[in-house]
Amino acid sequence: MRELSLHLLDLAENAAAAVNGVRGARVEIVLALEEAAGGRAWTGPTENARPGPSAFPQGSARLTMCVADNGRGMTAQQARLAQSPFYTTRATRGVGLGLPLCKAAALRTGGAFTVESAPDRGTRVTAVFRRAHIDCPPLGALPETLAAIVGGHPEIDFTVSARVDGGTDGGANAAPCAAREFIAGEQALRAVTEGFAPGDARAFLSLKKYFTENLSLFLQKGEHGMKSLEELAAIRDKMKQTVETREAAHDATRVAVGMATCGIAAGARGVLNAFTEEVAKSGLHGVLVTQTGCIGLCQYEPVVEVFREGEEKVTYVKMTPEKAARVVAEHLVGGTPVAEYTIASAQ
């Protein structure tokens, strides 16, 4: 069953494609959880990202995911066609599965799905899920997914918002619980990633730590962990020390982990973490672990490419965290590629 976090990734990647080349590109990601009947309607941080009215009967907890952009937008006909798997504007394939899969998942729970768009005015996609429904997918690795989205598109100004409306406390007086809200705006996200090269995995880890600390508390119904800019800078600086690199050195080694939707669905998040941690533990210098987009080998995901000065590129396929540890030990440290993990051995 596809995780809800991967559906969010699909929506965000569509938004990122829509704002490609747009000056002042912005994408807003909104999550709203209403835990019980009587939760007040959530307006979100901006009018552009507000979920629509509830279509649920009282007593139904719901999760709303909304992704809004200021991109090129679509005509009414294009917005309707975009919800079909047999329509896509991409030249690389003849089907588009992101929106249709998300729509099907939402409607399967008795939820709702809307696409609002206009040419040159952006697009807003809203998916609402009934959490208690037997067909509602698990949330999945939300902090890692948000980190991959934000870290993978440093050219876009993101706002990530999450809110829980607590309904009642279940006590004799059925007192309403206070809403819990977390908002990460452009300033905060840039403070976490400032100084990292595009695609640097340490930016991913810095964002993951930030979202984990905040959203874990948020999802566990605790107080949110909003941090000052100084605390965000401390997170960033700690991650900068995790893997010491020489990005500009001519002899640097680069490890690129495919982090497109297909890669993440196959487990690329764990592989990226494993490479970063193993490189740090090994004390390697001049090694840059990065995330990249689709490598074009979807059937072999997770895919990792290793580039070393003066050597041919080595492509590893169907990777796991355990395999990553061996590649670091034998290839990056020992200088000998692990032949049985390469694309040549898989074909």
C-alpha atoms as a PDB file:
ATOM      1  CA  MET A   1       0.000   0.000   0.000  1.00  0.00           C
ATOM      2  CA  ARG A   2       1.390   3.401  -0.992  1.00  0.00           C
ATOM      3  CA  GLU A   3       2.214   5.653   1.961  1.00  0.00           C
ATOM      4  CA  LEU A   4       0.452   8.978   2.333  1.00  0.00           C
ATOM      5  CA  SER A   5       3.876  10.648   2.506  1.00  0.00           C
ATOM      6  CA  LEU A   6       4.634   9.388  -1.002  1.00  0.00           C
ATOM      7  CA  HIS A   7       1.364  10.813  -2.285  1.00  0.00           C
ATOM      8  CA  LEU A   8       2.485  14.111  -0.750  1.00  0.00           C
ATOM      9  CA  LEU A   9       5.791  13.730  -2.583  1.00  0.00           C
ATOM     10  CA  ASP A  10       3.920  13.230  -5.873  1.00  0.00           C
ATOM     11  CA  LEU A  11       1.894  16.400  -5.336  1.00  0.00           C
ATOM     12  CA  ALA A  12       4.991  18.386  -4.373  1.00  0.00           C
ATOM     13  CA  GLU A  13       7.012  17.161  -7.372  1.00  0.00           C
ATOM     14  CA  ASN A  14       4.159  18.185  -9.680  1.00  0.00           C
ATOM     15  CA  ALA A  15       4.174  21.632  -8.074  1.00  0.00           C
ATOM     16  CA  ALA A  16       7.958  21.881  -8.422  1.00  0.00           C
ATOM     17  CA  ALA A  17       7.663  21.065 -12.129  1.00  0.00           C
ATOM     18  CA  ALA A  18       4.940  23.689 -12.522  1.00  0.00           C
ATOM     19  CA  VAL A  19       7.130  26.469 -11.064  1.00  0.00           C
ATOM     20  CA  ASN A  20      10.274  25.442 -12.960  1.00  0.00           C
ATOM     21  CA  GLY A  21      11.723  28.616 -14.433  1.00  0.00           C
ATOM     22  CA  VAL A  22       9.139  30.852 -12.725  1.00  0.00           C
ATOM     23  CA  ARG A  23      10.620  33.934 -11.092  1.00  0.00           C
ATOM     24  CA  GLY A  24       9.941  33.938  -7.351  1.00  0.00           C
ATOM     25  CA  ALA A  25       8.825  30.305  -7.413  1.00  0.00           C
ATOM     26  CA  ARG A  26       6.798  29.375  -4.327  1.00  0.00           C
ATOM     27  CA  VAL A  27       5.232  26.154  -3.114  1.00  0.00           C
ATOM     28  CA  GLU A  28       3.109  25.776   0.017  1.00  0.00           C
ATOM     29  CA  ILE A  29       2.597  22.393   1.663  1.00  0.00           C
ATOM     30  CA  VAL A  30      -0.228  22.140   4.162  1.00  0.00           C
ATOM     31  CA  LEU A  31      -1.157  19.253   6.456  1.00  0.00           C
ATOM     32  CA  ALA A  32      -4.254  19.461   8.651  1.00  0.00           C
ATOM     33  CA  LEU A  33      -5.427  16.711  10.990  1.00  0.00           C
ATOM     34  CA  GLU A  34      -8.840  16.914  12.598  1.00  0.00           C
ATOM     35  CA  GLU A  35      -8.847  14.255  15.285  1.00  0.00           C
ATOM     36  CA  ALA A  36     -12.495  14.248  16.310  1.00  0.00           C
ATOM     37  CA  ALA A  37     -15.897  15.724  15.625  1.00  0.00           C
ATOM     38  CA  GLY A  38     -16.235  19.388  16.329  1.00  0.00           C
ATOM     39  CA  GLY A  39     -12.699  20.342  15.282  1.00  0.00           C
ATOM     40  CA  ARG A  40     -12.742  23.856  13.890  1.00  0.00           C
ATOM     41  CA  ALA A  41     -12.123  24.377  10.204  1.00  0.00           C
ATOM     42  CA  TRP A  42      -8.503  25.188   9.439  1.00  0.00           C
ATOM     43  CA  THR A  43      -7.655  28.188   7.307  1.00  0.00           C
ATOM     44  CA  GLY A  44      -3.936  27.500   6.868  1.00  0.00           C
ATOM     45  CA  PRO A  45      -1.160  30.111   6.720  1.00  0.00           C
ATOM     46  CA  THR A  46      -2.391  31.779   3.527  1.00  0.00           C
ATOM     47  CA  GLU A  47      -5.549  32.042   1.529  1.00  0.00           C
ATOM     48  CA  ASN A  48      -3.883  30.283  -1.420  1.00  0.00           C
ATOM     49  CA  ALA A  49      -3.315  27.078   0.542  1.00  0.00           C
ATOM     50  CA  ARG A  50      -6.639  26.795   2.374  1.00  0.00           C
ATOM     51  CA  PRO A  51      -8.341  23.389   2.196  1.00  0.00           C
ATOM     52  CA  GLY A  52     -11.965  23.430   1.161  1.00  0.00           C
ATOM     53  CA  PRO A  53     -15.010  22.725   3.344  1.00  0.00           C
ATOM     54  CA  SER A  54     -15.403  19.350   5.011  1.00  0.00           C
ATOM     55  CA  ALA A  55     -17.299  16.663   3.124  1.00  0.00           C
ATOM     56  CA  PHE A  56     -17.350  14.336   6.137  1.00  0.00           C
ATOM     57  CA  PRO A  57     -20.042  13.426   8.625  1.00  0.00           C
ATOM     58  CA  GLN A  58     -19.462  14.373  12.260  1.00  0.00           C
ATOM     59  CA  GLY A  59     -17.241  11.984  14.173  1.00  0.00           C
ATOM     60  CA  SER A  60     -14.911  11.274  11.256  1.00  0.00           C
ATOM     61  CA  ALA A  61     -11.255  12.155  11.841  1.00  0.00           C
ATOM     62  CA  ARG A  62      -9.672  13.401   8.650  1.00  0.00           C
ATOM     63  CA  LEU A  63      -6.282  14.320   7.256  1.00  0.00           C
ATOM     64  CA  THR A  64      -6.038  17.033   4.627  1.00  0.00           C
ATOM     65  CA  MET A  65      -2.994  17.422   2.380  1.00  0.00           C
ATOM     66  CA  CYS A  66      -2.826  20.541   0.261  1.00  0.00           C
ATOM     67  CA  VAL A  67      -0.057  21.644  -2.109  1.00  0.00           C
ATOM     68  CA  ALA A  68      -0.280  25.050  -3.779  1.00  0.00           C
ATOM     69  CA  ASP A  69       2.092  26.742  -6.217  1.00  0.00           C
ATOM     70  CA  ASN A  70       2.382  29.994  -8.135  1.00  0.00           C
ATOM     71  CA  GLY A  71       3.371  28.262 -11.366  1.00  0.00           C
ATOM     72  CA  ARG A  72       2.038  28.275 -14.890  1.00  0.00           C
ATOM     73  CA  GLY A  73      -1.329  26.851 -13.937  1.00  0.00           C
ATOM     74  CA  MET A  74      -3.759  24.914 -16.125  1.00  0.00           C
ATOM     75  CA  THR A  75      -6.962  25.472 -18.010  1.00  0.00           C
ATOM     76  CA  ALA A  76     -10.115  23.837 -16.687  1.00  0.00           C
ATOM     77  CA  GLN A  77      -9.768  21.091 -19.283  1.00  0.00           C
ATOM     78  CA  GLN A  78      -6.125  20.447 -18.390  1.00  0.00           C
ATOM     79  CA  ALA A  79      -6.999  20.297 -14.683  1.00  0.00           C
ATOM     80  CA  ARG A  80      -9.634  17.689 -15.447  1.00  0.00           C
ATOM     81  CA  LEU A  81      -7.353  15.656 -17.737  1.00  0.00           C
ATOM     82  CA  ALA A  82      -4.501  15.795 -15.193  1.00  0.00           C
ATOM     83  CA  GLN A  83      -6.548  13.520 -12.935  1.00  0.00           C
ATOM     84  CA  SER A  84      -6.457  10.754 -15.539  1.00  0.00           C
ATOM     85  CA  PRO A  85      -3.497   8.316 -15.648  1.00  0.00           C
ATOM     86  CA  PHE A  86      -3.545   8.439 -19.431  1.00  0.00           C
ATOM     87  CA  TYR A  87      -2.667  12.130 -19.647  1.00  0.00           C
ATOM     88  CA  THR A  88       0.670  13.789 -18.999  1.00  0.00           C
ATOM     89  CA  THR A  89       2.634  16.741 -20.311  1.00  0.00           C
ATOM     90  CA  ARG A  90       5.940  14.912 -19.808  1.00  0.00           C
ATOM     91  CA  ALA A  91       7.844  13.866 -22.893  1.00  0.00           C
ATOM     92  CA  THR A  92       9.631  11.000 -21.085  1.00  0.00           C
ATOM     93  CA  ARG A  93       6.570   8.799 -20.615  1.00  0.00           C
ATOM     94  CA  GLY A  94       3.018   8.427 -21.838  1.00  0.00           C
ATOM     95  CA  VAL A  95       1.226   8.218 -18.490  1.00  0.00           C
ATOM     96  CA  GLY A  96       0.957  10.442 -15.432  1.00  0.00           C
ATOM     97  CA  LEU A  97       0.310   8.593 -12.184  1.00  0.00           C
ATOM     98  CA  GLY A  98       0.910  11.104  -9.380  1.00  0.00           C
ATOM     99  CA  LEU A  99      -2.449  12.884  -9.238  1.00  0.00           C
ATOM    100  CA  PRO A 100      -4.577   9.857 -10.224  1.00  0.00           C
ATOM    101  CA  LEU A 101      -3.019   7.626  -7.558  1.00  0.00           C
ATOM    102  CA  CYS A 102      -3.481  10.263  -4.882  1.00  0.00           C
ATOM    103  CA  LYS A 103      -7.065  10.899  -5.964  1.00  0.00           C
ATOM    104  CA  ALA A 104      -7.877   7.179  -5.930  1.00  0.00           C
ATOM    105  CA  ALA A 105      -6.351   6.790  -2.451  1.00  0.00           C
ATOM    106  CA  ALA A 106      -8.369   9.690  -1.052  1.00  0.00           C
ATOM    107  CA  LEU A 107     -11.669   8.622  -2.605  1.00  0.00           C
ATOM    108  CA  ARG A 108     -11.099   5.030  -1.489  1.00  0.00           C
ATOM    109  CA  THR A 109     -11.367   6.235   2.114  1.00  0.00           C
ATOM    110  CA  GLY A 110     -14.571   8.140   1.406  1.00  0.00           C
ATOM    111  CA  GLY A 111     -12.567  11.351   1.236  1.00  0.00           C
ATOM    112  CA  ALA A 112     -12.314  14.110  -1.327  1.00  0.00           C
ATOM    113  CA  PHE A 113      -9.938  15.361  -4.009  1.00  0.00           C
ATOM    114  CA  THR A 114      -9.916  18.710  -5.815  1.00  0.00           C
ATOM    115  CA  VAL A 115      -7.684  20.466  -8.339  1.00  0.00           C
ATOM    116  CA  GLU A 116      -8.070  24.249  -8.599  1.00  0.00           C
ATOM    117  CA  SER A 117      -6.018  26.005 -11.232  1.00  0.00           C
ATOM    118  CA  ALA A 118      -5.962  28.837 -13.736  1.00  0.00           C
ATOM    119  CA  PRO A 119      -3.382  29.783 -16.396  1.00  0.00           C
ATOM    120  CA  ASP A 120      -0.581  31.929 -14.956  1.00  0.00           C
ATOM    121  CA  ARG A 121      -2.207  31.892 -11.509  1.00  0.00           C
ATOM    122  CA  GLY A 122      -0.924  28.623 -10.119  1.00  0.00           C
ATOM    123  CA  THR A 123      -2.505  25.409  -8.937  1.00  0.00           C
ATOM    124  CA  ARG A 124      -3.860  24.110  -5.648  1.00  0.00           C
ATOM    125  CA  VAL A 125      -4.388  20.376  -5.128  1.00  0.00           C
ATOM    126  CA  THR A 126      -6.236  19.180  -2.035  1.00  0.00           C
ATOM    127  CA  ALA A 127      -6.627  15.549  -0.930  1.00  0.00           C
ATOM    128  CA  VAL A 128      -8.691  14.633   2.127  1.00  0.00           C
ATOM    129  CA  PHE A 129      -8.499  11.209   3.780  1.00  0.00           C
ATOM    130  CA  ARG A 130     -10.717   9.621   6.417  1.00  0.00           C
ATOM    131  CA  ARG A 131      -8.124   8.355   8.856  1.00  0.00           C
ATOM    132  CA  ALA A 132     -10.266   5.635  10.452  1.00  0.00           C
ATOM    133  CA  HIS A 133     -11.170   4.012   7.144  1.00  0.00           C
ATOM    134  CA  ILE A 134      -9.710   0.547   6.636  1.00  0.00           C
ATOM    135  CA  ASP A 135      -8.298   1.586   3.251  1.00  0.00           C
ATOM    136  CA  CYS A 136      -6.512   4.684   4.517  1.00  0.00           C
ATOM    137  CA  PRO A 137      -2.738   4.195   3.959  1.00  0.00           C
ATOM    138  CA  PRO A 138      -0.207   4.765   6.764  1.00  0.00           C
ATOM    139  CA  LEU A 139       1.354   8.196   6.975  1.00  0.00           C
ATOM    140  CA  GLY A 140       4.862   6.891   6.269  1.00  0.00           C
ATOM    141  CA  ALA A 141       8.193   8.668   6.788  1.00  0.00           C
ATOM    142  CA  LEU A 142       6.922  12.240   6.732  1.00  0.00           C
ATOM    143  CA  PRO A 143      10.077  14.074   7.973  1.00  0.00           C
ATOM    144  CA  GLU A 144      12.277  12.316   5.390  1.00  0.00           C
ATOM    145  CA  THR A 145       9.764  13.021   2.631  1.00  0.00           C
ATOM    146  CA  LEU A 146       9.544  16.717   3.466  1.00  0.00           C
ATOM    147  CA  ALA A 147      13.351  16.880   3.686  1.00  0.00           C
ATOM    148  CA  ALA A 148      13.666  15.298   0.232  1.00  0.00           C
ATOM    149  CA  ILE A 149      11.136  17.753  -1.219  1.00  0.00           C
ATOM    150  CA  VAL A 150      12.651  20.907   0.255  1.00  0.00           C
ATOM    151  CA  GLY A 151      16.289  19.810  -0.068  1.00  0.00           C
ATOM    152  CA  GLY A 152      15.800  18.620  -3.633  1.00  0.00           C
ATOM    153  CA  HIS A 153      14.575  22.023  -4.842  1.00  0.00           C
ATOM    154  CA  PRO A 154      16.739  24.769  -3.291  1.00  0.00           C
ATOM    155  CA  GLU A 155      15.556  27.200  -5.970  1.00  0.00           C
ATOM    156  CA  ILE A 156      11.971  27.161  -4.645  1.00  0.00           C
ATOM    157  CA  ASP A 157      10.696  29.109  -1.635  1.00  0.00           C
ATOM    158  CA  PHE A 158       8.770  26.553   0.443  1.00  0.00           C
ATOM    159  CA  THR A 159       6.342  26.979   3.297  1.00  0.00           C
ATOM    160  CA  VAL A 160       5.512  23.813   5.230  1.00  0.00           C
ATOM    161  CA  SER A 161       2.575  23.981   7.632  1.00  0.00           C
ATOM    162  CA  ALA A 162       0.996  21.352   9.861  1.00  0.00           C
ATOM    163  CA  ARG A 163      -1.835  21.572  12.335  1.00  0.00           C
ATOM    164  CA  VAL A 164      -3.845  19.274  14.583  1.00  0.00           C
ATOM    165  CA  ASP A 165      -7.293  20.271  15.750  1.00  0.00           C
ATOM    166  CA  GLY A 166      -7.642  18.198  18.887  1.00  0.00           C
ATOM    167  CA  GLY A 167     -11.403  17.843  19.136  1.00  0.00           C
ATOM    168  CA  THR A 168     -12.165  16.920  22.765  1.00  0.00           C
ATOM    169  CA  ASP A 169      -9.989  15.517  25.542  1.00  0.00           C
ATOM    170  CA  GLY A 170     -12.287  12.533  26.167  1.00  0.00           C
ATOM    171  CA  GLY A 171     -12.931  13.567  29.774  1.00  0.00           C
ATOM    172  CA  ALA A 172     -16.208  13.891  31.555  1.00  0.00           C
ATOM    173  CA  ASN A 173     -16.565  17.495  30.501  1.00  0.00           C
ATOM    174  CA  ALA A 174     -15.465  16.802  26.917  1.00  0.00           C
ATOM    175  CA  ALA A 175     -13.312  19.904  27.033  1.00  0.00           C
ATOM    176  CA  PRO A 176     -11.810  20.923  23.684  1.00  0.00           C
ATOM    177  CA  CYS A 177      -8.082  20.317  23.252  1.00  0.00           C
ATOM    178  CA  ALA A 178      -5.906  23.177  22.100  1.00  0.00           C
ATOM    179  CA  ALA A 179      -4.881  23.138  18.468  1.00  0.00           C
ATOM    180  CA  ARG A 180      -1.228  22.369  17.790  1.00  0.00           C
ATOM    181  CA  GLU A 181       0.386  24.145  14.879  1.00  0.00           C
ATOM    182  CA  PHE A 182       3.787  24.080  13.200  1.00  0.00           C
ATOM    183  CA  ILE A 183       4.824  26.433  10.396  1.00  0.00           C
ATOM    184  CA  ALA A 184       8.203  26.369   8.681  1.00  0.00           C
ATOM    185  CA  GLY A 185       8.512  29.344   6.388  1.00  0.00           C
ATOM    186  CA  GLU A 186      11.127  30.346   3.855  1.00  0.00           C
ATOM    187  CA  GLN A 187      13.346  32.040   6.444  1.00  0.00           C
ATOM    188  CA  ALA A 188      13.455  29.029   8.753  1.00  0.00           C
ATOM    189  CA  LEU A 189      14.085  26.502   5.989  1.00  0.00           C
ATOM    190  CA  ARG A 190      16.872  28.586   4.505  1.00  0.00           C
ATOM    191  CA  ALA A 191      18.470  28.898   7.947  1.00  0.00           C
ATOM    192  CA  VAL A 192      18.617  25.092   8.143  1.00  0.00           C
ATOM    193  CA  THR A 193      20.146  24.637   4.663  1.00  0.00           C
ATOM    194  CA  GLU A 194      22.235  27.770   4.134  1.00  0.00           C
ATOM    195  CA  GLY A 195      25.758  27.069   2.914  1.00  0.00           C
ATOM    196  CA  PHE A 196      25.124  23.594   1.557  1.00  0.00           C
ATOM    197  CA  ALA A 197      25.728  22.905  -2.125  1.00  0.00           C
ATOM    198  CA  PRO A 198      22.604  21.925  -4.124  1.00  0.00           C
ATOM    199  CA  GLY A 199      21.919  18.247  -3.561  1.00  0.00           C
ATOM    200  CA  ASP A 200      24.303  17.898  -0.600  1.00  0.00           C
ATOM    201  CA  ALA A 201      22.959  15.063   1.554  1.00  0.00           C
ATOM    202  CA  ARG A 202      23.874  16.991   4.685  1.00  0.00           C
ATOM    203  CA  ALA A 203      21.148  19.487   3.785  1.00  0.00           C
ATOM    204  CA  PHE A 204      18.753  16.540   3.629  1.00  0.00           C
ATOM    205  CA  LEU A 205      19.901  15.349   7.073  1.00  0.00           C
ATOM    206  CA  SER A 206      19.657  18.859   8.507  1.00  0.00           C
ATOM    207  CA  LEU A 207      16.081  19.203   7.231  1.00  0.00           C
ATOM    208  CA  LYS A 208      15.212  15.692   8.375  1.00  0.00           C
ATOM    209  CA  LYS A 209      16.412  16.492  11.906  1.00  0.00           C
ATOM    210  CA  TYR A 210      14.449  19.727  11.905  1.00  0.00           C
ATOM    211  CA  PHE A 211      11.209  18.147  10.693  1.00  0.00           C
ATOM    212  CA  THR A 212      11.629  15.109  12.943  1.00  0.00           C
ATOM    213  CA  GLU A 213      12.046  17.226  16.065  1.00  0.00           C
ATOM    214  CA  ASN A 214       9.028  19.345  15.203  1.00  0.00           C
ATOM    215  CA  LEU A 215       6.635  16.950  13.506  1.00  0.00           C
ATOM    216  CA  SER A 216       7.289  14.042  15.856  1.00  0.00           C
ATOM    217  CA  LEU A 217       6.040  16.183  18.706  1.00  0.00           C
ATOM    218  CA  PHE A 218       3.267  17.489  16.510  1.00  0.00           C
ATOM    219  CA  LEU A 219       2.073  14.016  15.501  1.00  0.00           C
ATOM    220  CA  GLN A 220       2.367  12.699  19.061  1.00  0.00           C
ATOM    221  CA  LYS A 221       0.037  15.450  20.259  1.00  0.00           C
ATOM    222  CA  GLY A 222       2.729  17.236  22.224  1.00  0.00           C
ATOM    223  CA  GLU A 223       3.785  20.846  22.086  1.00  0.00           C
ATOM    224  CA  HIS A 224       5.441  21.798  18.860  1.00  0.00           C
ATOM    225  CA  GLY A 225       9.167  22.464  18.894  1.00  0.00           C
ATOM    226  CA  MET A 226       9.355  25.801  17.087  1.00  0.00           C
ATOM    227  CA  LYS A 227      12.958  26.953  17.104  1.00  0.00           C
ATOM    228  CA  SER A 228      14.738  30.280  16.912  1.00  0.00           C
ATOM    229  CA  LEU A 229      16.959  31.108  13.938  1.00  0.00           C
ATOM    230  CA  GLU A 230      19.975  30.542  16.187  1.00  0.00           C
ATOM    231  CA  GLU A 231      18.790  27.006  17.009  1.00  0.00           C
ATOM    232  CA  LEU A 232      18.151  26.319  13.322  1.00  0.00           C
ATOM    233  CA  ALA A 233      21.680  27.513  12.499  1.00  0.00           C
ATOM    234  CA  ALA A 234      23.022  25.135  15.167  1.00  0.00           C
ATOM    235  CA  ILE A 235      21.249  22.209  13.475  1.00  0.00           C
ATOM    236  CA  ARG A 236      22.764  23.218  10.139  1.00  0.00           C
ATOM    237  CA  ASP A 237      26.274  23.604  11.576  1.00  0.00           C
ATOM    238  CA  LYS A 238      26.093  20.209  13.270  1.00  0.00           C
ATOM    239  CA  MET A 239      25.209  18.554   9.974  1.00  0.00           C
ATOM    240  CA  LYS A 240      28.045  20.393   8.242  1.00  0.00           C
ATOM    241  CA  GLN A 241      30.440  18.658  10.630  1.00  0.00           C
ATOM    242  CA  THR A 242      28.892  15.225  10.020  1.00  0.00           C
ATOM    243  CA  VAL A 243      30.742  14.602   6.758  1.00  0.00           C
ATOM    244  CA  GLU A 244      33.842  16.659   6.064  1.00  0.00           C
ATOM    245  CA  THR A 245      34.071  17.347   2.337  1.00  0.00           C
ATOM    246  CA  ARG A 246      36.105  19.292  -0.204  1.00  0.00           C
ATOM    247  CA  GLU A 247      33.405  20.140  -2.728  1.00  0.00           C
ATOM    248  CA  ALA A 248      35.777  22.158  -4.894  1.00  0.00           C
ATOM    249  CA  ALA A 249      38.649  19.688  -4.847  1.00  0.00           C
ATOM    250  CA  HIS A 250      39.470  18.145  -8.208  1.00  0.00           C
ATOM    251  CA  ASP A 251      39.944  14.726  -6.605  1.00  0.00           C
ATOM    252  CA  ALA A 252      36.641  14.697  -4.705  1.00  0.00           C
ATOM    253  CA  THR A 253      34.482  11.560  -4.806  1.00  0.00           C
ATOM    254  CA  ARG A 254      30.743  12.053  -5.297  1.00  0.00           C
ATOM    255  CA  VAL A 255      28.082   9.535  -4.273  1.00  0.00           C
ATOM    256  CA  ALA A 256      24.726  10.386  -5.903  1.00  0.00           C
ATOM    257  CA  VAL A 257      21.624   8.644  -4.540  1.00  0.00           C
ATOM    258  CA  GLY A 258      18.536   8.684  -6.770  1.00  0.00           C
ATOM    259  CA  MET A 259      15.783  10.373  -4.747  1.00  0.00           C
ATOM    260  CA  ALA A 260      12.956  10.655  -7.263  1.00  0.00           C
ATOM    261  CA  THR A 261       9.529   9.275  -6.354  1.00  0.00           C
ATOM    262  CA  CYS A 262      10.378   5.787  -7.597  1.00  0.00           C
ATOM    263  CA  GLY A 263      13.646   5.740  -5.648  1.00  0.00           C
ATOM    264  CA  ILE A 264      12.100   6.887  -2.396  1.00  0.00           C
ATOM    265  CA  ALA A 265       9.289   4.346  -2.777  1.00  0.00           C
ATOM    266  CA  ALA A 266      11.940   1.627  -3.128  1.00  0.00           C
ATOM    267  CA  GLY A 267      13.828   2.694   0.011  1.00  0.00           C
ATOM    268  CA  ALA A 268      16.296   5.377  -1.143  1.00  0.00           C
ATOM    269  CA  ARG A 269      15.852   7.438   2.025  1.00  0.00           C
ATOM    270  CA  GLY A 270      17.458   4.715   4.136  1.00  0.00           C
ATOM    271  CA  VAL A 271      20.227   4.250   1.582  1.00  0.00           C
ATOM    272  CA  LEU A 272      21.036   7.986   1.601  1.00  0.00           C
ATOM    273  CA  ASN A 273      21.177   8.012   5.403  1.00  0.00           C
ATOM    274  CA  ALA A 274      23.380   4.923   5.444  1.00  0.00           C
ATOM    275  CA  PHE A 275      25.928   6.358   3.001  1.00  0.00           C
ATOM    276  CA  THR A 276      26.173   9.626   4.919  1.00  0.00           C
ATOM    277  CA  GLU A 277      26.577   7.875   8.270  1.00  0.00           C
ATOM    278  CA  GLU A 278      29.080   5.289   6.995  1.00  0.00           C
ATOM    279  CA  VAL A 279      31.221   7.959   5.296  1.00  0.00           C
ATOM    280  CA  ALA A 280      31.272   9.914   8.556  1.00  0.00           C
ATOM    281  CA  LYS A 281      32.185   6.840  10.635  1.00  0.00           C
ATOM    282  CA  SER A 282      34.963   5.922   8.215  1.00  0.00           C
ATOM    283  CA  GLY A 283      36.550   9.355   8.556  1.00  0.00           C
ATOM    284  CA  LEU A 284      36.722   9.816   4.787  1.00  0.00           C
ATOM    285  CA  HIS A 285      37.780  13.183   3.356  1.00  0.00           C
ATOM    286  CA  GLY A 286      36.870  14.562  -0.060  1.00  0.00           C
ATOM    287  CA  VAL A 287      33.645  12.538  -0.279  1.00  0.00           C
ATOM    288  CA  LEU A 288      30.377  14.303  -1.104  1.00  0.00           C
ATOM    289  CA  VAL A 289      27.153  12.347  -0.636  1.00  0.00           C
ATOM    290  CA  THR A 290      24.350  13.953  -2.645  1.00  0.00           C
ATOM    291  CA  GLN A 291      20.788  13.314  -3.702  1.00  0.00           C
ATOM    292  CA  THR A 292      19.772  13.473  -7.332  1.00  0.00           C
ATOM    293  CA  GLY A 293      16.605  13.054  -9.381  1.00  0.00           C
ATOM    294  CA  CYS A 294      15.483  10.172 -11.552  1.00  0.00           C
ATOM    295  CA  ILE A 295      18.464   8.316 -13.001  1.00  0.00           C
ATOM    296  CA  GLY A 296      16.267   6.477 -15.513  1.00  0.00           C
ATOM    297  CA  LEU A 297      16.614   2.971 -14.062  1.00  0.00           C
ATOM    298  CA  CYS A 298      13.301   2.758 -12.205  1.00  0.00           C
ATOM    299  CA  GLN A 299      13.202  -1.054 -12.258  1.00  0.00           C
ATOM    300  CA  TYR A 300      16.551  -1.133 -10.425  1.00  0.00           C
ATOM    301  CA  GLU A 301      15.807   1.385  -7.652  1.00  0.00           C
ATOM    302  CA  PRO A 302      17.279   2.382  -5.287  1.00  0.00           C
ATOM    303  CA  VAL A 303      20.107   3.421  -7.619  1.00  0.00           C
ATOM    304  CA  VAL A 304      23.426   4.960  -6.526  1.00  0.00           C
ATOM    305  CA  GLU A 305      26.140   6.379  -8.792  1.00  0.00           C
ATOM    306  CA  VAL A 306      29.738   6.787  -7.622  1.00  0.00           C
ATOM    307  CA  PHE A 307      31.974   9.285  -9.413  1.00  0.00           C
ATOM    308  CA  ARG A 308      35.725   9.295  -8.736  1.00  0.00           C
ATOM    309  CA  GLU A 309      38.281  11.468 -10.485  1.00  0.00           C
ATOM    310  CA  GLY A 310      40.053   9.573 -13.272  1.00  0.00           C
ATOM    311  CA  GLU A 311      37.760   6.524 -13.038  1.00  0.00           C
ATOM    312  CA  GLU A 312      34.631   5.378 -14.835  1.00  0.00           C
ATOM    313  CA  LYS A 313      31.323   5.972 -13.138  1.00  0.00           C
ATOM    314  CA  VAL A 314      30.058   2.991 -11.127  1.00  0.00           C
ATOM    315  CA  THR A 315      26.290   2.451 -10.943  1.00  0.00           C
ATOM    316  CA  TYR A 316      24.945   0.387  -8.067  1.00  0.00           C
ATOM    317  CA  VAL A 317      21.370  -0.933  -8.225  1.00  0.00           C
ATOM    318  CA  LYS A 318      18.766  -2.356  -5.835  1.00  0.00           C
ATOM    319  CA  MET A 319      20.685  -0.869  -2.951  1.00  0.00           C
ATOM    320  CA  THR A 320      19.964  -1.286   0.762  1.00  0.00           C
ATOM    321  CA  PRO A 321      21.540   0.314   3.856  1.00  0.00           C
ATOM    322  CA  GLU A 322      23.496  -2.914   4.396  1.00  0.00           C
ATOM    323  CA  LYS A 323      24.833  -2.813   0.842  1.00  0.00           C
ATOM    324  CA  ALA A 324      25.712   0.861   1.297  1.00  0.00           C
ATOM    325  CA  ALA A 325      27.939  -0.008   4.253  1.00  0.00           C
ATOM    326  CA  ARG A 326      29.820  -2.549   2.161  1.00  0.00           C
ATOM    327  CA  VAL A 327      30.230  -0.108  -0.758  1.00  0.00           C
ATOM    328  CA  VAL A 328      31.745   2.472   1.592  1.00  0.00           C
ATOM    329  CA  ALA A 329      34.128  -0.080   3.105  1.00  0.00           C
ATOM    330  CA  GLU A 330      35.238  -1.771  -0.102  1.00  0.00           C
ATOM    331  CA  HIS A 331      34.854   0.889  -2.798  1.00  0.00           C
ATOM    332  CA  LEU A 332      35.231   4.292  -1.151  1.00  0.00           C
ATOM    333  CA  VAL A 333      37.806   3.157   1.418  1.00  0.00           C
ATOM    334  CA  GLY A 334      39.385   0.151  -0.291  1.00  0.00           C
ATOM    335  CA  GLY A 335      39.193   1.390  -3.878  1.00  0.00           C
ATOM    336  CA  THR A 336      37.546  -1.774  -5.284  1.00  0.00           C
ATOM    337  CA  PRO A 337      33.953  -1.539  -6.574  1.00  0.00           C
ATOM    338  CA  VAL A 338      31.508  -4.167  -5.315  1.00  0.00           C
ATOM    339  CA  ALA A 339      30.866  -5.836  -8.670  1.00  0.00           C
ATOM    340  CA  GLU A 340      27.880  -7.934  -7.593  1.00  0.00           C
ATOM    341  CA  TYR A 341      25.857  -4.801  -6.750  1.00  0.00           C
ATOM    342  CA  THR A 342      26.474  -3.009 -10.051  1.00  0.00           C
ATOM    343  CA  ILE A 343      24.129  -2.566 -13.005  1.00  0.00           C
ATOM    344  CA  ALA A 344      26.316  -4.885 -15.103  1.00  0.00           C
ATOM    345  CA  SER A 345      25.664  -7.799 -12.743  1.00  0.00           C
ATOM    346  CA  ALA A 346      21.924  -7.121 -12.644  1.00  0.00           C
ATOM    347  CA  GLN A 347      21.377  -7.257 -16.413  1.00  0.00           C
END
